[in-house]
Amino acid sequence: VDLVAAACLAAGGFFCLAGGIGVLRLPDFFSRLHAAGIIDTLGA
């Protein structure tokens, strides 16, 4: 259970980081909106 919880926390942190980078680096509104949705839905 501890290993699965740690994997979920690490994966969630990765998706939040990747989504945050996407919000900063993606070129248009719709792409950034998708990245922001990934942060909240998958990362959180």
Full PDB file with SEQRES, HELIX, SHEET, SSBOND, CRYST1, ORIGX, SCALE, CONECT and MASTER records, all heavy atoms in Angstrom:
SEQRES   1 A   44  VAL ASP LEU VAL ALA ALA ALA CYS LEU ALA ALA GLY GLY          
SEQRES   2 A   44  PHE PHE CYS LEU ALA GLY GLY ILE GLY VAL LEU ARG LEU          
SEQRES   3 A   44  PRO ASP PHE PHE SER ARG LEU HIS ALA ALA GLY ILE ILE          
SEQRES   4 A   44  ASP THR LEU GLY ALA                                          
HELIX    1 AA1 ASP A    2  ARG A   25  1                                  24    
HELIX    2 AA2 PHE A   29  ILE A   38  1                                  10    
HELIX    3 AA3 ILE A   39  GLY A   43  3                                   5    
CRYST1    1.000    1.000    1.000  90.00  90.00  90.00 P 1           1          
ORIGX1      1.000000  0.000000  0.000000        0.00000                         
ORIGX2      0.000000  1.000000  0.000000        0.00000                         
ORIGX3      0.000000  0.000000  1.000000        0.00000                         
SCALE1      1.000000  0.000000  0.000000        0.00000                         
SCALE2      0.000000  1.000000  0.000000        0.00000                         
SCALE3      0.000000  0.000000  1.000000        0.00000                         
ATOM      1  N   VAL A   1       0.842  -1.199   0.000  1.00  0.00           N  
ATOM      2  CA  VAL A   1       0.000   0.000   0.000  1.00  0.00           C  
ATOM      3  C   VAL A   1       0.877   1.247   0.000  1.00  0.00           C  
ATOM      4  O   VAL A   1       0.596   2.216  -0.710  1.00  0.00           O  
ATOM      5  CB  VAL A   1      -0.972  -0.016   1.203  1.00  0.00           C  
ATOM      6  CG1 VAL A   1      -1.705   1.305   1.338  1.00  0.00           C  
ATOM      7  CG2 VAL A   1      -1.964  -1.158   1.069  1.00  0.00           C  
ATOM      8  N   ASP A   2       1.948   1.228   0.786  1.00  0.00           N  
ATOM      9  CA  ASP A   2       2.865   2.369   0.813  1.00  0.00           C  
ATOM     10  C   ASP A   2       3.536   2.582  -0.548  1.00  0.00           C  
ATOM     11  O   ASP A   2       3.701   3.726  -0.990  1.00  0.00           O  
ATOM     12  CB  ASP A   2       3.936   2.173   1.882  1.00  0.00           C  
ATOM     13  CG  ASP A   2       3.398   2.342   3.292  1.00  0.00           C  
ATOM     14  OD1 ASP A   2       2.289   2.909   3.443  1.00  0.00           O  
ATOM     15  OD2 ASP A   2       4.084   1.899   4.234  1.00  0.00           O  
ATOM     16  N   LEU A   3       3.918   1.509  -1.216  1.00  0.00           N  
ATOM     17  CA  LEU A   3       4.542   1.631  -2.534  1.00  0.00           C  
ATOM     18  C   LEU A   3       3.563   2.161  -3.584  1.00  0.00           C  
ATOM     19  O   LEU A   3       3.917   3.017  -4.403  1.00  0.00           O  
ATOM     20  CB  LEU A   3       5.119   0.288  -2.973  1.00  0.00           C  
ATOM     21  CG  LEU A   3       6.351  -0.192  -2.224  1.00  0.00           C  
ATOM     22  CD1 LEU A   3       6.736  -1.597  -2.664  1.00  0.00           C  
ATOM     23  CD2 LEU A   3       7.505   0.772  -2.421  1.00  0.00           C  
ATOM     24  N   VAL A   4       2.331   1.680  -3.553  1.00  0.00           N  
ATOM     25  CA  VAL A   4       1.311   2.165  -4.493  1.00  0.00           C  
ATOM     26  C   VAL A   4       1.006   3.633  -4.214  1.00  0.00           C  
ATOM     27  O   VAL A   4       0.876   4.443  -5.146  1.00  0.00           O  
ATOM     28  CB  VAL A   4       0.038   1.289  -4.417  1.00  0.00           C  
ATOM     29  CG1 VAL A   4      -1.099   1.908  -5.211  1.00  0.00           C  
ATOM     30  CG2 VAL A   4       0.325  -0.110  -4.910  1.00  0.00           C  
ATOM     31  N   ALA A   5       0.911   3.999  -2.944  1.00  0.00           N  
ATOM     32  CA  ALA A   5       0.659   5.397  -2.583  1.00  0.00           C  
ATOM     33  C   ALA A   5       1.811   6.290  -3.039  1.00  0.00           C  
ATOM     34  O   ALA A   5       1.590   7.375  -3.587  1.00  0.00           O  
ATOM     35  CB  ALA A   5       0.455   5.530  -1.077  1.00  0.00           C  
ATOM     36  N   ALA A   6       3.033   5.830  -2.849  1.00  0.00           N  
ATOM     37  CA  ALA A   6       4.190   6.610  -3.290  1.00  0.00           C  
ATOM     38  C   ALA A   6       4.211   6.745  -4.813  1.00  0.00           C  
ATOM     39  O   ALA A   6       4.531   7.819  -5.342  1.00  0.00           O  
ATOM     40  CB  ALA A   6       5.479   5.954  -2.805  1.00  0.00           C  
ATOM     41  N   ALA A   7       3.841   5.676  -5.510  1.00  0.00           N  
ATOM     42  CA  ALA A   7       3.781   5.744  -6.976  1.00  0.00           C  
ATOM     43  C   ALA A   7       2.711   6.726  -7.430  1.00  0.00           C  
ATOM     44  O   ALA A   7       2.924   7.497  -8.374  1.00  0.00           O  
ATOM     45  CB  ALA A   7       3.521   4.353  -7.550  1.00  0.00           C  
ATOM     46  N   CYS A   8       1.552   6.723  -6.772  1.00  0.00           N  
ATOM     47  CA  CYS A   8       0.490   7.675  -7.118  1.00  0.00           C  
ATOM     48  C   CYS A   8       0.927   9.112  -6.851  1.00  0.00           C  
ATOM     49  O   CYS A   8       0.683  10.003  -7.676  1.00  0.00           O  
ATOM     50  CB  CYS A   8      -0.779   7.372  -6.325  1.00  0.00           C  
ATOM     51  SG  CYS A   8      -1.675   5.926  -6.878  1.00  0.00           S  
ATOM     52  N   LEU A   9       1.568   9.339  -5.720  1.00  0.00           N  
ATOM     53  CA  LEU A   9       2.043  10.682  -5.397  1.00  0.00           C  
ATOM     54  C   LEU A   9       3.106  11.151  -6.384  1.00  0.00           C  
ATOM     55  O   LEU A   9       3.090  12.299  -6.841  1.00  0.00           O  
ATOM     56  CB  LEU A   9       2.570  10.729  -3.967  1.00  0.00           C  
ATOM     57  CG  LEU A   9       1.518  10.600  -2.867  1.00  0.00           C  
ATOM     58  CD1 LEU A   9       2.183  10.373  -1.519  1.00  0.00           C  
ATOM     59  CD2 LEU A   9       0.628  11.820  -2.838  1.00  0.00           C  
ATOM     60  N   ALA A  10       4.028  10.257  -6.737  1.00  0.00           N  
ATOM     61  CA  ALA A  10       5.085  10.626  -7.689  1.00  0.00           C  
ATOM     62  C   ALA A  10       4.508  10.882  -9.078  1.00  0.00           C  
ATOM     63  O   ALA A  10       4.872  11.864  -9.743  1.00  0.00           O  
ATOM     64  CB  ALA A  10       6.144   9.527  -7.747  1.00  0.00           C  
ATOM     65  N   ALA A  11       3.597  10.026  -9.525  1.00  0.00           N  
ATOM     66  CA  ALA A  11       2.985  10.217 -10.842  1.00  0.00           C  
ATOM     67  C   ALA A  11       2.145  11.492 -10.860  1.00  0.00           C  
ATOM     68  O   ALA A  11       2.168  12.241 -11.839  1.00  0.00           O  
ATOM     69  CB  ALA A  11       2.133   9.006 -11.207  1.00  0.00           C  
ATOM     70  N   GLY A  12       1.412  11.747  -9.783  1.00  0.00           N  
ATOM     71  CA  GLY A  12       0.632  12.986  -9.700  1.00  0.00           C  
ATOM     72  C   GLY A  12       1.517  14.211  -9.731  1.00  0.00           C  
ATOM     73  O   GLY A  12       1.206  15.204 -10.402  1.00  0.00           O  
ATOM     74  N   GLY A  13       2.633  14.161  -9.017  1.00  0.00           N  
ATOM     75  CA  GLY A  13       3.587  15.270  -9.062  1.00  0.00           C  
ATOM     76  C   GLY A  13       4.166  15.470 -10.442  1.00  0.00           C  
ATOM     77  O   GLY A  13       4.322  16.601 -10.914  1.00  0.00           O  
ATOM     78  N   PHE A  14       4.467  14.354 -11.139  1.00  0.00           N  
ATOM     79  CA  PHE A  14       4.981  14.448 -12.508  1.00  0.00           C  
ATOM     80  C   PHE A  14       3.962  15.103 -13.435  1.00  0.00           C  
ATOM     81  O   PHE A  14       4.311  15.986 -14.224  1.00  0.00           O  
ATOM     82  CB  PHE A  14       5.361  13.067 -13.028  1.00  0.00           C  
ATOM     83  CG  PHE A  14       5.672  13.063 -14.495  1.00  0.00           C  
ATOM     84  CD1 PHE A  14       6.874  13.566 -14.962  1.00  0.00           C  
ATOM     85  CD2 PHE A  14       4.745  12.591 -15.407  1.00  0.00           C  
ATOM     86  CE1 PHE A  14       7.155  13.584 -16.317  1.00  0.00           C  
ATOM     87  CE2 PHE A  14       5.014  12.607 -16.759  1.00  0.00           C  
ATOM     88  CZ  PHE A  14       6.218  13.107 -17.220  1.00  0.00           C  
ATOM     89  N   PHE A  15       2.704  14.669 -13.354  1.00  0.00           N  
ATOM     90  CA  PHE A  15       1.687  15.242 -14.237  1.00  0.00           C  
ATOM     91  C   PHE A  15       1.426  16.709 -13.919  1.00  0.00           C  
ATOM     92  O   PHE A  15       1.173  17.508 -14.822  1.00  0.00           O  
ATOM     93  CB  PHE A  15       0.385  14.433 -14.172  1.00  0.00           C  
ATOM     94  CG  PHE A  15       0.445  13.184 -14.988  1.00  0.00           C  
ATOM     95  CD1 PHE A  15       0.442  11.945 -14.377  1.00  0.00           C  
ATOM     96  CD2 PHE A  15       0.514  13.234 -16.371  1.00  0.00           C  
ATOM     97  CE1 PHE A  15       0.498  10.786 -15.121  1.00  0.00           C  
ATOM     98  CE2 PHE A  15       0.578  12.077 -17.125  1.00  0.00           C  
ATOM     99  CZ  PHE A  15       0.565  10.846 -16.503  1.00  0.00           C  
ATOM    100  N   CYS A  16       1.486  17.085 -12.649  1.00  0.00           N  
ATOM    101  CA  CYS A  16       1.330  18.498 -12.295  1.00  0.00           C  
ATOM    102  C   CYS A  16       2.494  19.325 -12.842  1.00  0.00           C  
ATOM    103  O   CYS A  16       2.294  20.421 -13.374  1.00  0.00           O  
ATOM    104  CB  CYS A  16       1.241  18.663 -10.780  1.00  0.00           C  
ATOM    105  SG  CYS A  16      -0.340  18.163 -10.088  1.00  0.00           S  
ATOM    106  N   LEU A  17       3.701  18.795 -12.731  1.00  0.00           N  
ATOM    107  CA  LEU A  17       4.865  19.499 -13.256  1.00  0.00           C  
ATOM    108  C   LEU A  17       4.807  19.607 -14.778  1.00  0.00           C  
ATOM    109  O   LEU A  17       5.028  20.683 -15.350  1.00  0.00           O  
ATOM    110  CB  LEU A  17       6.148  18.788 -12.821  1.00  0.00           C  
ATOM    111  CG  LEU A  17       7.462  19.431 -13.260  1.00  0.00           C  
ATOM    112  CD1 LEU A  17       7.626  20.795 -12.613  1.00  0.00           C  
ATOM    113  CD2 LEU A  17       8.622  18.526 -12.921  1.00  0.00           C  
ATOM    114  N   ALA A  18       4.483  18.496 -15.441  1.00  0.00           N  
ATOM    115  CA  ALA A  18       4.395  18.509 -16.904  1.00  0.00           C  
ATOM    116  C   ALA A  18       3.279  19.431 -17.375  1.00  0.00           C  
ATOM    117  O   ALA A  18       3.441  20.174 -18.359  1.00  0.00           O  
ATOM    118  CB  ALA A  18       4.172  17.096 -17.430  1.00  0.00           C  
ATOM    119  N   GLY A  19       2.148  19.420 -16.689  1.00  0.00           N  
ATOM    120  CA  GLY A  19       1.049  20.314 -17.059  1.00  0.00           C  
ATOM    121  C   GLY A  19       1.401  21.770 -16.827  1.00  0.00           C  
ATOM    122  O   GLY A  19       1.043  22.640 -17.622  1.00  0.00           O  
ATOM    123  N   GLY A  20       2.115  22.056 -15.742  1.00  0.00           N  
ATOM    124  CA  GLY A  20       2.553  23.433 -15.482  1.00  0.00           C  
ATOM    125  C   GLY A  20       3.517  23.926 -16.541  1.00  0.00           C  
ATOM    126  O   GLY A  20       3.433  25.080 -16.990  1.00  0.00           O  
ATOM    127  N   ILE A  21       4.425  23.066 -16.956  1.00  0.00           N  
ATOM    128  CA  ILE A  21       5.337  23.435 -18.048  1.00  0.00           C  
ATOM    129  C   ILE A  21       4.545  23.642 -19.335  1.00  0.00           C  
ATOM    130  O   ILE A  21       4.807  24.570 -20.100  1.00  0.00           O  
ATOM    131  CB  ILE A  21       6.430  22.367 -18.223  1.00  0.00           C  
ATOM    132  CG1 ILE A  21       7.363  22.380 -17.009  1.00  0.00           C  
ATOM    133  CG2 ILE A  21       7.219  22.584 -19.507  1.00  0.00           C  
ATOM    134  CD1 ILE A  21       8.331  21.222 -16.950  1.00  0.00           C  
ATOM    135  N   GLY A  22       3.535  22.787 -19.561  1.00  0.00           N  
ATOM    136  CA  GLY A  22       2.695  22.929 -20.741  1.00  0.00           C  
ATOM    137  C   GLY A  22       1.932  24.239 -20.754  1.00  0.00           C  
ATOM    138  O   GLY A  22       1.798  24.881 -21.805  1.00  0.00           O  
ATOM    139  N   VAL A  23       1.429  24.653 -19.598  1.00  0.00           N  
ATOM    140  CA  VAL A  23       0.712  25.928 -19.529  1.00  0.00           C  
ATOM    141  C   VAL A  23       1.642  27.081 -19.901  1.00  0.00           C  
ATOM    142  O   VAL A  23       1.243  28.039 -20.562  1.00  0.00           O  
ATOM    143  CB  VAL A  23       0.105  26.134 -18.121  1.00  0.00           C  
ATOM    144  CG1 VAL A  23      -0.384  27.548 -17.930  1.00  0.00           C  
ATOM    145  CG2 VAL A  23      -1.033  25.159 -17.885  1.00  0.00           C  
ATOM    146  N   LEU A  24       2.885  26.987 -19.502  1.00  0.00           N  
ATOM    147  CA  LEU A  24       3.844  28.050 -19.810  1.00  0.00           C  
ATOM    148  C   LEU A  24       4.360  28.000 -21.245  1.00  0.00           C  
ATOM    149  O   LEU A  24       4.614  29.040 -21.850  1.00  0.00           O  
ATOM    150  CB  LEU A  24       5.032  27.977 -18.853  1.00  0.00           C  
ATOM    151  CG  LEU A  24       4.734  28.266 -17.391  1.00  0.00           C  
ATOM    152  CD1 LEU A  24       5.979  28.012 -16.555  1.00  0.00           C  
ATOM    153  CD2 LEU A  24       4.243  29.677 -17.216  1.00  0.00           C  
ATOM    154  N   ARG A  25       4.515  26.818 -21.809  1.00  0.00           N  
ATOM    155  CA  ARG A  25       5.232  26.682 -23.073  1.00  0.00           C  
ATOM    156  C   ARG A  25       4.351  26.466 -24.307  1.00  0.00           C  
ATOM    157  O   ARG A  25       4.812  26.685 -25.416  1.00  0.00           O  
ATOM    158  CB  ARG A  25       6.203  25.503 -22.991  1.00  0.00           C  
ATOM    159  CG  ARG A  25       7.180  25.581 -21.850  1.00  0.00           C  
ATOM    160  CD  ARG A  25       8.477  26.102 -22.216  1.00  0.00           C  
ATOM    161  NE  ARG A  25       8.940  25.542 -23.478  1.00  0.00           N  
ATOM    162  CZ  ARG A  25      10.025  25.911 -24.073  1.00  0.00           C  
ATOM    163  NH1 ARG A  25      10.771  26.812 -23.516  1.00  0.00           N  
ATOM    164  NH2 ARG A  25      10.396  25.397 -25.217  1.00  0.00           N  
ATOM    165  N   LEU A  26       3.127  25.988 -24.138  1.00  0.00           N  
ATOM    166  CA  LEU A  26       2.300  25.695 -25.305  1.00  0.00           C  
ATOM    167  C   LEU A  26       1.863  26.988 -25.993  1.00  0.00           C  
ATOM    168  O   LEU A  26       1.693  28.015 -25.349  1.00  0.00           O  
ATOM    169  CB  LEU A  26       1.099  24.836 -24.909  1.00  0.00           C  
ATOM    170  CG  LEU A  26       1.478  23.396 -24.545  1.00  0.00           C  
ATOM    171  CD1 LEU A  26       0.292  22.654 -23.975  1.00  0.00           C  
ATOM    172  CD2 LEU A  26       2.033  22.651 -25.737  1.00  0.00           C  
ATOM    173  N   PRO A  27       1.644  26.932 -27.315  1.00  0.00           N  
ATOM    174  CA  PRO A  27       1.522  28.165 -28.088  1.00  0.00           C  
ATOM    175  C   PRO A  27       0.167  28.860 -28.049  1.00  0.00           C  
ATOM    176  O   PRO A  27       0.107  30.074 -28.192  1.00  0.00           O  
ATOM    177  CB  PRO A  27       1.818  27.705 -29.519  1.00  0.00           C  
ATOM    178  CG  PRO A  27       1.416  26.279 -29.546  1.00  0.00           C  
ATOM    179  CD  PRO A  27       1.720  25.762 -28.176  1.00  0.00           C  
ATOM    180  N   ASP A  28      -0.937  28.147 -27.859  1.00  0.00           N  
ATOM    181  CA  ASP A  28      -2.224  28.828 -27.981  1.00  0.00           C  
ATOM    182  C   ASP A  28      -3.132  28.488 -26.801  1.00  0.00           C  
ATOM    183  O   ASP A  28      -2.830  27.620 -25.983  1.00  0.00           O  
ATOM    184  CB  ASP A  28      -2.912  28.445 -29.306  1.00  0.00           C  
ATOM    185  CG  ASP A  28      -3.238  26.979 -29.382  1.00  0.00           C  
ATOM    186  OD1 ASP A  28      -2.307  26.159 -29.323  1.00  0.00           O  
ATOM    187  OD2 ASP A  28      -4.411  26.647 -29.509  1.00  0.00           O  
ATOM    188  N   PHE A  29      -4.237  29.190 -26.737  1.00  0.00           N  
ATOM    189  CA  PHE A  29      -5.174  29.085 -25.624  1.00  0.00           C  
ATOM    190  C   PHE A  29      -5.695  27.666 -25.437  1.00  0.00           C  
ATOM    191  O   PHE A  29      -5.764  27.169 -24.316  1.00  0.00           O  
ATOM    192  CB  PHE A  29      -6.342  30.053 -25.857  1.00  0.00           C  
ATOM    193  CG  PHE A  29      -7.456  29.907 -24.872  1.00  0.00           C  
ATOM    194  CD1 PHE A  29      -7.327  30.409 -23.592  1.00  0.00           C  
ATOM    195  CD2 PHE A  29      -8.625  29.258 -25.213  1.00  0.00           C  
ATOM    196  CE1 PHE A  29      -8.346  30.266 -22.669  1.00  0.00           C  
ATOM    197  CE2 PHE A  29      -9.650  29.105 -24.300  1.00  0.00           C  
ATOM    198  CZ  PHE A  29      -9.514  29.616 -23.025  1.00  0.00           C  
ATOM    199  N   PHE A  30      -6.085  27.009 -26.511  1.00  0.00           N  
ATOM    200  CA  PHE A  30      -6.699  25.691 -26.402  1.00  0.00           C  
ATOM    201  C   PHE A  30      -5.695  24.641 -25.931  1.00  0.00           C  
ATOM    202  O   PHE A  30      -6.041  23.749 -25.153  1.00  0.00           O  
ATOM    203  CB  PHE A  30      -7.341  25.288 -27.729  1.00  0.00           C  
ATOM    204  CG  PHE A  30      -8.517  26.158 -28.080  1.00  0.00           C  
ATOM    205  CD1 PHE A  30      -8.390  27.181 -28.998  1.00  0.00           C  
ATOM    206  CD2 PHE A  30      -9.735  25.970 -27.461  1.00  0.00           C  
ATOM    207  CE1 PHE A  30      -9.462  27.988 -29.305  1.00  0.00           C  
ATOM    208  CE2 PHE A  30     -10.816  26.772 -27.763  1.00  0.00           C  
ATOM    209  CZ  PHE A  30     -10.684  27.796 -28.682  1.00  0.00           C  
ATOM    210  N   SER A  31      -4.466  24.736 -26.370  1.00  0.00           N  
ATOM    211  CA  SER A  31      -3.431  23.813 -25.893  1.00  0.00           C  
ATOM    212  C   SER A  31      -3.140  24.045 -24.413  1.00  0.00           C  
ATOM    213  O   SER A  31      -2.973  23.101 -23.640  1.00  0.00           O  
ATOM    214  CB  SER A  31      -2.145  23.995 -26.692  1.00  0.00           C  
ATOM    215  OG  SER A  31      -2.358  23.697 -28.039  1.00  0.00           O  
ATOM    216  N   ARG A  32      -3.085  25.291 -24.026  1.00  0.00           N  
ATOM    217  CA  ARG A  32      -2.847  25.612 -22.615  1.00  0.00           C  
ATOM    218  C   ARG A  32      -4.014  25.166 -21.745  1.00  0.00           C  
ATOM    219  O   ARG A  32      -3.826  24.710 -20.616  1.00  0.00           O  
ATOM    220  CB  ARG A  32      -2.615  27.106 -22.454  1.00  0.00           C  
ATOM    221  CG  ARG A  32      -1.306  27.550 -23.034  1.00  0.00           C  
ATOM    222  CD  ARG A  32      -1.110  29.031 -22.915  1.00  0.00           C  
ATOM    223  NE  ARG A  32       0.175  29.391 -23.487  1.00  0.00           N  
ATOM    224  CZ  ARG A  32       0.597  30.618 -23.613  1.00  0.00           C  
ATOM    225  NH1 ARG A  32      -0.162  31.618 -23.213  1.00  0.00           N  
ATOM    226  NH2 ARG A  32       1.773  30.861 -24.143  1.00  0.00           N  
ATOM    227  N   LEU A  33      -5.217  25.286 -22.279  1.00  0.00           N  
ATOM    228  CA  LEU A  33      -6.395  24.844 -21.546  1.00  0.00           C  
ATOM    229  C   LEU A  33      -6.355  23.330 -21.320  1.00  0.00           C  
ATOM    230  O   LEU A  33      -6.708  22.842 -20.247  1.00  0.00           O  
ATOM    231  CB  LEU A  33      -7.654  25.238 -22.320  1.00  0.00           C  
ATOM    232  CG  LEU A  33      -8.988  25.077 -21.634  1.00  0.00           C  
ATOM    233  CD1 LEU A  33      -9.051  25.938 -20.375  1.00  0.00           C  
ATOM    234  CD2 LEU A  33     -10.099  25.483 -22.585  1.00  0.00           C  
ATOM    235  N   HIS A  34      -5.896  22.604 -22.312  1.00  0.00           N  
ATOM    236  CA  HIS A  34      -5.751  21.155 -22.173  1.00  0.00           C  
ATOM    237  C   HIS A  34      -4.718  20.824 -21.088  1.00  0.00           C  
ATOM    238  O   HIS A  34      -4.949  19.945 -20.249  1.00  0.00           O  
ATOM    239  CB  HIS A  34      -5.329  20.543 -23.503  1.00  0.00           C  
ATOM    240  CG  HIS A  34      -4.991  19.097 -23.420  1.00  0.00           C  
ATOM    241  ND1 HIS A  34      -5.929  18.116 -23.202  1.00  0.00           N  
ATOM    242  CD2 HIS A  34      -3.799  18.460 -23.496  1.00  0.00           C  
ATOM    243  CE1 HIS A  34      -5.339  16.950 -23.161  1.00  0.00           C  
ATOM    244  NE2 HIS A  34      -4.040  17.127 -23.334  1.00  0.00           N  
ATOM    245  N   ALA A  35      -3.607  21.523 -21.084  1.00  0.00           N  
ATOM    246  CA  ALA A  35      -2.575  21.282 -20.070  1.00  0.00           C  
ATOM    247  C   ALA A  35      -3.104  21.590 -18.672  1.00  0.00           C  
ATOM    248  O   ALA A  35      -2.844  20.848 -17.718  1.00  0.00           O  
ATOM    249  CB  ALA A  35      -1.339  22.118 -20.368  1.00  0.00           C  
ATOM    250  N   ALA A  36      -3.868  22.659 -18.541  1.00  0.00           N  
ATOM    251  CA  ALA A  36      -4.434  23.005 -17.233  1.00  0.00           C  
ATOM    252  C   ALA A  36      -5.437  21.954 -16.775  1.00  0.00           C  
ATOM    253  O   ALA A  36      -5.510  21.628 -15.582  1.00  0.00           O  
ATOM    254  CB  ALA A  36      -5.098  24.375 -17.303  1.00  0.00           C  
ATOM    255  N   GLY A  37      -6.186  21.401 -17.703  1.00  0.00           N  
ATOM    256  CA  GLY A  37      -7.121  20.339 -17.346  1.00  0.00           C  
ATOM    257  C   GLY A  37      -6.415  19.083 -16.885  1.00  0.00           C  
ATOM    258  O   GLY A  37      -6.878  18.377 -15.987  1.00  0.00           O  
ATOM    259  N   ILE A  38      -5.268  18.790 -17.498  1.00  0.00           N  
ATOM    260  CA  ILE A  38      -4.481  17.623 -17.091  1.00  0.00           C  
ATOM    261  C   ILE A  38      -3.958  17.798 -15.669  1.00  0.00           C  
ATOM    262  O   ILE A  38      -3.955  16.853 -14.876  1.00  0.00           O  
ATOM    263  CB  ILE A  38      -3.301  17.394 -18.069  1.00  0.00           C  
ATOM    264  CG1 ILE A  38      -3.821  16.981 -19.436  1.00  0.00           C  
ATOM    265  CG2 ILE A  38      -2.320  16.363 -17.541  1.00  0.00           C  
ATOM    266  CD1 ILE A  38      -4.539  15.668 -19.457  1.00  0.00           C  
ATOM    267  N   ILE A  39      -3.548  19.010 -15.334  1.00  0.00           N  
ATOM    268  CA  ILE A  39      -3.041  19.267 -13.983  1.00  0.00           C  
ATOM    269  C   ILE A  39      -4.108  18.926 -12.954  1.00  0.00           C  
ATOM    270  O   ILE A  39      -3.859  18.196 -11.995  1.00  0.00           O  
ATOM    271  CB  ILE A  39      -2.619  20.743 -13.820  1.00  0.00           C  
ATOM    272  CG1 ILE A  39      -1.397  21.060 -14.657  1.00  0.00           C  
ATOM    273  CG2 ILE A  39      -2.350  21.057 -12.359  1.00  0.00           C  
ATOM    274  CD1 ILE A  39      -1.065  22.533 -14.688  1.00  0.00           C  
ATOM    275  N   ASP A  40      -5.314  19.443 -13.154  1.00  0.00           N  
ATOM    276  CA  ASP A  40      -6.364  19.243 -12.156  1.00  0.00           C  
ATOM    277  C   ASP A  40      -6.946  17.836 -12.186  1.00  0.00           C  
ATOM    278  O   ASP A  40      -7.193  17.242 -11.149  1.00  0.00           O  
ATOM    279  CB  ASP A  40      -7.491  20.251 -12.371  1.00  0.00           C  
ATOM    280  CG  ASP A  40      -7.118  21.643 -11.890  1.00  0.00           C  
ATOM    281  OD1 ASP A  40      -6.161  21.741 -11.110  1.00  0.00           O  
ATOM    282  OD2 ASP A  40      -7.776  22.603 -12.294  1.00  0.00           O  
ATOM    283  N   THR A  41      -7.191  17.314 -13.380  1.00  0.00           N  
ATOM    284  CA  THR A  41      -7.862  16.030 -13.456  1.00  0.00           C  
ATOM    285  C   THR A  41      -6.922  14.881 -13.103  1.00  0.00           C  
ATOM    286  O   THR A  41      -7.221  14.067 -12.224  1.00  0.00           O  
ATOM    287  CB  THR A  41      -8.440  15.808 -14.865  1.00  0.00           C  
ATOM    288  OG1 THR A  41      -9.283  16.909 -15.183  1.00  0.00           O  
ATOM    289  CG2 THR A  41      -9.239  14.541 -14.934  1.00  0.00           C  
ATOM    290  N   LEU A  42      -5.802  14.797 -13.774  1.00  0.00           N  
ATOM    291  CA  LEU A  42      -4.917  13.651 -13.593  1.00  0.00           C  
ATOM    292  C   LEU A  42      -3.914  13.878 -12.461  1.00  0.00           C  
ATOM    293  O   LEU A  42      -3.758  13.021 -11.589  1.00  0.00           O  
ATOM    294  CB  LEU A  42      -4.181  13.356 -14.901  1.00  0.00           C  
ATOM    295  CG  LEU A  42      -3.455  12.034 -15.001  1.00  0.00           C  
ATOM    296  CD1 LEU A  42      -4.415  10.879 -14.747  1.00  0.00           C  
ATOM    297  CD2 LEU A  42      -2.836  11.887 -16.363  1.00  0.00           C  
ATOM    298  N   GLY A  43      -3.266  15.029 -12.449  1.00  0.00           N  
ATOM    299  CA  GLY A  43      -2.250  15.283 -11.426  1.00  0.00           C  
ATOM    300  C   GLY A  43      -2.832  15.325 -10.026  1.00  0.00           C  
ATOM    301  O   GLY A  43      -2.399  14.586  -9.131  1.00  0.00           O  
ATOM    302  N   ALA A  44      -3.816  16.179  -9.830  1.00  0.00           N  
ATOM    303  CA  ALA A  44      -4.420  16.289  -8.499  1.00  0.00           C  
ATOM    304  C   ALA A  44      -5.166  15.016  -8.134  1.00  0.00           C  
ATOM    305  O   ALA A  44      -5.192  14.609  -6.961  1.00  0.00           O  
ATOM    306  CB  ALA A  44      -5.359  17.490  -8.449  1.00  0.00           C  
TER     307      ALA A  44                                                      
MASTER        0    0    0    3    0    0    0    6  306    1    0    4          
END                                                                             
